[in-house]
Amino acid sequence: MADAGRHLLVAANPLFAYEIVEGARLMVKNRDKIAKCRNARPKADVVTCKITVSM
């Protein structure tokens, strides 16, 4: 099922598919930094963090 969805996305919009993959890689590579920011926030709905990420 996931493979079919990936093929449809790539066929429909290759640039968008590439951006999704790169975004996922960015999140995975910087998972610890992002988690630290999320866990440091107060009980508010909005939090601002400055994170230097690795690509």
PDB file of N, CA and C in Angstrom:
ATOM      1  N   MET A   1       0.819  -1.183   0.000  1.00  0.00           N
ATOM      2  CA  MET A   1       0.000   0.000   0.000  1.00  0.00           C
ATOM      3  C   MET A   1       0.869   1.255   0.000  1.00  0.00           C
ATOM      4  N   ALA A   2       1.898   1.274   0.867  1.00  0.00           N
ATOM      5  CA  ALA A   2       2.768   2.443   0.942  1.00  0.00           C
ATOM      6  C   ALA A   2       3.535   2.635  -0.354  1.00  0.00           C
ATOM      7  N   ASP A   3       3.991   1.556  -0.956  1.00  0.00           N
ATOM      8  CA  ASP A   3       4.713   1.665  -2.227  1.00  0.00           C
ATOM      9  C   ASP A   3       3.833   2.252  -3.318  1.00  0.00           C
ATOM     10  N   ALA A   4       2.576   1.853  -3.352  1.00  0.00           N
ATOM     11  CA  ALA A   4       1.649   2.387  -4.359  1.00  0.00           C
ATOM     12  C   ALA A   4       1.461   3.886  -4.154  1.00  0.00           C
ATOM     13  N   GLY A   5       1.312   4.301  -2.897  1.00  0.00           N
ATOM     14  CA  GLY A   5       1.161   5.724  -2.609  1.00  0.00           C
ATOM     15  C   GLY A   5       2.393   6.516  -2.997  1.00  0.00           C
ATOM     16  N   ARG A   6       3.556   5.944  -2.723  1.00  0.00           N
ATOM     17  CA  ARG A   6       4.810   6.618  -3.093  1.00  0.00           C
ATOM     18  C   ARG A   6       4.910   6.769  -4.605  1.00  0.00           C
ATOM     19  N   HIS A   7       4.576   5.728  -5.335  1.00  0.00           N
ATOM     20  CA  HIS A   7       4.636   5.789  -6.796  1.00  0.00           C
ATOM     21  C   HIS A   7       3.662   6.832  -7.351  1.00  0.00           C
ATOM     22  N   LEU A   8       2.475   6.896  -6.769  1.00  0.00           N
ATOM     23  CA  LEU A   8       1.502   7.896  -7.219  1.00  0.00           C
ATOM     24  C   LEU A   8       1.994   9.309  -6.929  1.00  0.00           C
ATOM     25  N   LEU A   9       2.568   9.517  -5.760  1.00  0.00           N
ATOM     26  CA  LEU A   9       3.070  10.840  -5.402  1.00  0.00           C
ATOM     27  C   LEU A   9       4.205  11.264  -6.326  1.00  0.00           C
ATOM     28  N   VAL A  10       5.127  10.368  -6.596  1.00  0.00           N
ATOM     29  CA  VAL A  10       6.252  10.687  -7.480  1.00  0.00           C
ATOM     30  C   VAL A  10       5.752  10.985  -8.881  1.00  0.00           C
ATOM     31  N   ALA A  11       4.783  10.218  -9.355  1.00  0.00           N
ATOM     32  CA  ALA A  11       4.243  10.441 -10.701  1.00  0.00           C
ATOM     33  C   ALA A  11       3.486  11.766 -10.786  1.00  0.00           C
ATOM     34  N   ALA A  12       2.757  12.101  -9.727  1.00  0.00           N
ATOM     35  CA  ALA A  12       1.940  13.318  -9.742  1.00  0.00           C
ATOM     36  C   ALA A  12       2.777  14.573  -9.571  1.00  0.00           C
ATOM     37  N   ASN A  13       3.767  14.529  -8.670  1.00  0.00           N
ATOM     38  CA  ASN A  13       4.550  15.729  -8.393  1.00  0.00           C
ATOM     39  C   ASN A  13       5.924  15.324  -7.849  1.00  0.00           C
ATOM     40  N   PRO A  14       6.894  15.089  -8.726  1.00  0.00           N
ATOM     41  CA  PRO A  14       8.215  14.632  -8.283  1.00  0.00           C
ATOM     42  C   PRO A  14       8.911  15.585  -7.306  1.00  0.00           C
ATOM     43  N   LEU A  15       8.767  16.883  -7.497  1.00  0.00           N
ATOM     44  CA  LEU A  15       9.412  17.847  -6.599  1.00  0.00           C
ATOM     45  C   LEU A  15       8.834  17.747  -5.189  1.00  0.00           C
ATOM     46  N   PHE A  16       7.522  17.646  -5.095  1.00  0.00           N
ATOM     47  CA  PHE A  16       6.870  17.526  -3.801  1.00  0.00           C
ATOM     48  C   PHE A  16       7.299  16.236  -3.102  1.00  0.00           C
ATOM     49  N   ALA A  17       7.404  15.153  -3.850  1.00  0.00           N
ATOM     50  CA  ALA A  17       7.844  13.877  -3.282  1.00  0.00           C
ATOM     51  C   ALA A  17       9.263  14.007  -2.733  1.00  0.00           C
ATOM     52  N   TYR A  18      10.136  14.673  -3.464  1.00  0.00           N
ATOM     53  CA  TYR A  18      11.514  14.890  -3.030  1.00  0.00           C
ATOM     54  C   TYR A  18      11.538  15.707  -1.739  1.00  0.00           C
ATOM     55  N   GLU A  19      10.706  16.750  -1.669  1.00  0.00           N
ATOM     56  CA  GLU A  19      10.666  17.600  -0.482  1.00  0.00           C
ATOM     57  C   GLU A  19      10.184  16.823   0.743  1.00  0.00           C
ATOM     58  N   ILE A  20       9.243  15.931   0.564  1.00  0.00           N
ATOM     59  CA  ILE A  20       8.766  15.103   1.678  1.00  0.00           C
ATOM     60  C   ILE A  20       9.889  14.217   2.191  1.00  0.00           C
ATOM     61  N   VAL A  21      10.622  13.597   1.274  1.00  0.00           N
ATOM     62  CA  VAL A  21      11.727  12.723   1.667  1.00  0.00           C
ATOM     63  C   VAL A  21      12.816  13.521   2.382  1.00  0.00           C
ATOM     64  N   GLU A  22      13.177  14.668   1.860  1.00  0.00           N
ATOM     65  CA  GLU A  22      14.208  15.491   2.490  1.00  0.00           C
ATOM     66  C   GLU A  22      13.756  16.001   3.857  1.00  0.00           C
ATOM     67  N   GLY A  23      12.497  16.352   3.982  1.00  0.00           N
ATOM     68  CA  GLY A  23      11.966  16.781   5.268  1.00  0.00           C
ATOM     69  C   GLY A  23      12.033  15.664   6.302  1.00  0.00           C
ATOM     70  N   ALA A  24      11.719  14.457   5.875  1.00  0.00           N
ATOM     71  CA  ALA A  24      11.797  13.307   6.784  1.00  0.00           C
ATOM     72  C   ALA A  24      13.242  13.055   7.203  1.00  0.00           C
ATOM     73  N   ARG A  25      14.164  13.154   6.282  1.00  0.00           N
ATOM     74  CA  ARG A  25      15.587  12.974   6.616  1.00  0.00           C
ATOM     75  C   ARG A  25      16.055  14.024   7.609  1.00  0.00           C
ATOM     76  N   LEU A  26      15.636  15.260   7.398  1.00  0.00           N
ATOM     77  CA  LEU A  26      15.992  16.350   8.304  1.00  0.00           C
ATOM     78  C   LEU A  26      15.463  16.070   9.709  1.00  0.00           C
ATOM     79  N   MET A  27      14.222  15.633   9.805  1.00  0.00           N
ATOM     80  CA  MET A  27      13.628  15.323  11.102  1.00  0.00           C
ATOM     81  C   MET A  27      14.342  14.163  11.786  1.00  0.00           C
ATOM     82  N   VAL A  28      14.655  13.120  11.044  1.00  0.00           N
ATOM     83  CA  VAL A  28      15.318  11.951  11.634  1.00  0.00           C
ATOM     84  C   VAL A  28      16.721  12.311  12.115  1.00  0.00           C
ATOM     85  N   LYS A  29      17.457  13.045  11.296  1.00  0.00           N
ATOM     86  CA  LYS A  29      18.834  13.384  11.639  1.00  0.00           C
ATOM     87  C   LYS A  29      18.919  14.317  12.849  1.00  0.00           C
ATOM     88  N   ASN A  30      17.884  15.105  13.079  1.00  0.00           N
ATOM     89  CA  ASN A  30      17.887  16.086  14.156  1.00  0.00           C
ATOM     90  C   ASN A  30      16.842  15.777  15.225  1.00  0.00           C
ATOM     91  N   ARG A  31      16.460  14.530  15.308  1.00  0.00           N
ATOM     92  CA  ARG A  31      15.405  14.090  16.222  1.00  0.00           C
ATOM     93  C   ARG A  31      15.673  14.511  17.670  1.00  0.00           C
ATOM     94  N   ASP A  32      16.903  14.349  18.135  1.00  0.00           N
ATOM     95  CA  ASP A  32      17.231  14.682  19.523  1.00  0.00           C
ATOM     96  C   ASP A  32      17.081  16.176  19.805  1.00  0.00           C
ATOM     97  N   LYS A  33      17.543  17.013  18.890  1.00  0.00           N
ATOM     98  CA  LYS A  33      17.437  18.464  19.076  1.00  0.00           C
ATOM     99  C   LYS A  33      15.973  18.902  19.090  1.00  0.00           C
ATOM    100  N   ILE A  34      15.177  18.340  18.205  1.00  0.00           N
ATOM    101  CA  ILE A  34      13.760  18.697  18.119  1.00  0.00           C
ATOM    102  C   ILE A  34      13.027  18.223  19.374  1.00  0.00           C
ATOM    103  N   ALA A  35      13.325  17.024  19.842  1.00  0.00           N
ATOM    104  CA  ALA A  35      12.699  16.504  21.054  1.00  0.00           C
ATOM    105  C   ALA A  35      13.059  17.352  22.265  1.00  0.00           C
ATOM    106  N   LYS A  36      14.302  17.784  22.344  1.00  0.00           N
ATOM    107  CA  LYS A  36      14.738  18.620  23.460  1.00  0.00           C
ATOM    108  C   LYS A  36      13.945  19.928  23.489  1.00  0.00           C
ATOM    109  N   CYS A  37      13.722  20.505  22.320  1.00  0.00           N
ATOM    110  CA  CYS A  37      12.940  21.740  22.226  1.00  0.00           C
ATOM    111  C   CYS A  37      11.497  21.487  22.653  1.00  0.00           C
ATOM    112  N   ARG A  38      10.898  20.424  22.155  1.00  0.00           N
ATOM    113  CA  ARG A  38       9.508  20.108  22.493  1.00  0.00           C
ATOM    114  C   ARG A  38       9.348  19.841  23.987  1.00  0.00           C
ATOM    115  N   ASN A  39      10.289  19.148  24.585  1.00  0.00           N
ATOM    116  CA  ASN A  39      10.185  18.796  25.993  1.00  0.00           C
ATOM    117  C   ASN A  39      10.479  19.976  26.915  1.00  0.00           C
ATOM    118  N   ALA A  40      11.197  20.973  26.439  1.00  0.00           N
ATOM    119  CA  ALA A  40      11.557  22.134  27.251  1.00  0.00           C
ATOM    120  C   ALA A  40      10.442  23.173  27.301  1.00  0.00           C
ATOM    121  N   ARG A  41       9.469  23.052  26.450  1.00  0.00           N
ATOM    122  CA  ARG A  41       8.423  24.069  26.378  1.00  0.00           C
ATOM    123  C   ARG A  41       7.525  24.043  27.614  1.00  0.00           C
ATOM    124  N   PRO A  42       6.970  25.184  27.923  1.00  0.00           N
ATOM    125  CA  PRO A  42       5.993  25.211  29.016  1.00  0.00           C
ATOM    126  C   PRO A  42       4.692  24.552  28.545  1.00  0.00           C
ATOM    127  N   LYS A  43       3.692  24.609  29.337  1.00  0.00           N
ATOM    128  CA  LYS A  43       2.411  23.973  29.001  1.00  0.00           C
ATOM    129  C   LYS A  43       1.615  24.771  27.968  1.00  0.00           C
ATOM    130  N   ALA A  44       2.249  25.674  27.262  1.00  0.00           N
ATOM    131  CA  ALA A  44       1.577  26.496  26.257  1.00  0.00           C
ATOM    132  C   ALA A  44       1.450  25.739  24.943  1.00  0.00           C
ATOM    133  N   ASP A  45       0.577  26.222  24.078  1.00  0.00           N
ATOM    134  CA  ASP A  45       0.391  25.607  22.766  1.00  0.00           C
ATOM    135  C   ASP A  45       1.467  26.024  21.778  1.00  0.00           C
ATOM    136  N   VAL A  46       2.110  27.168  22.036  1.00  0.00           N
ATOM    137  CA  VAL A  46       3.093  27.709  21.104  1.00  0.00           C
ATOM    138  C   VAL A  46       4.441  27.808  21.808  1.00  0.00           C
ATOM    139  N   VAL A  47       5.473  27.390  21.111  1.00  0.00           N
ATOM    140  CA  VAL A  47       6.825  27.497  21.650  1.00  0.00           C
ATOM    141  C   VAL A  47       7.754  27.929  20.526  1.00  0.00           C
ATOM    142  N   THR A  48       8.748  28.736  20.850  1.00  0.00           N
ATOM    143  CA  THR A  48       9.727  29.174  19.870  1.00  0.00           C
ATOM    144  C   THR A  48      11.078  28.626  20.271  1.00  0.00           C
ATOM    145  N   CYS A  49      11.713  27.910  19.367  1.00  0.00           N
ATOM    146  CA  CYS A  49      13.043  27.359  19.612  1.00  0.00           C
ATOM    147  C   CYS A  49      13.936  27.717  18.429  1.00  0.00           C
ATOM    148  N   LYS A  50      15.174  27.985  18.729  1.00  0.00           N
ATOM    149  CA  LYS A  50      16.161  28.203  17.673  1.00  0.00           C
ATOM    150  C   LYS A  50      17.041  26.958  17.664  1.00  0.00           C
ATOM    151  N   ILE A  51      17.004  26.235  16.550  1.00  0.00           N
ATOM    152  CA  ILE A  51      17.744  24.977  16.433  1.00  0.00           C
ATOM    153  C   ILE A  51      18.640  25.073  15.203  1.00  0.00           C
ATOM    154  N   THR A  52      19.905  24.760  15.389  1.00  0.00           N
ATOM    155  CA  THR A  52      20.820  24.618  14.259  1.00  0.00           C
ATOM    156  C   THR A  52      20.807  23.154  13.868  1.00  0.00           C
ATOM    157  N   VAL A  53      20.381  22.890  12.645  1.00  0.00           N
ATOM    158  CA  VAL A  53      20.211  21.493  12.217  1.00  0.00           C
ATOM    159  C   VAL A  53      21.338  21.050  11.309  1.00  0.00           C
ATOM    160  N   SER A  54      21.512  19.763  11.250  1.00  0.00           N
ATOM    161  CA  SER A  54      22.492  19.155  10.359  1.00  0.00           C
ATOM    162  C   SER A  54      21.781  18.630   9.134  1.00  0.00           C
ATOM    163  N   MET A  55      22.391  18.775   7.986  1.00  0.00           N
ATOM    164  CA  MET A  55      21.802  18.251   6.757  1.00  0.00           C
ATOM    165  C   MET A  55      22.589  17.098   6.301  1.00  0.00           C
TER     166      MET A  55
END
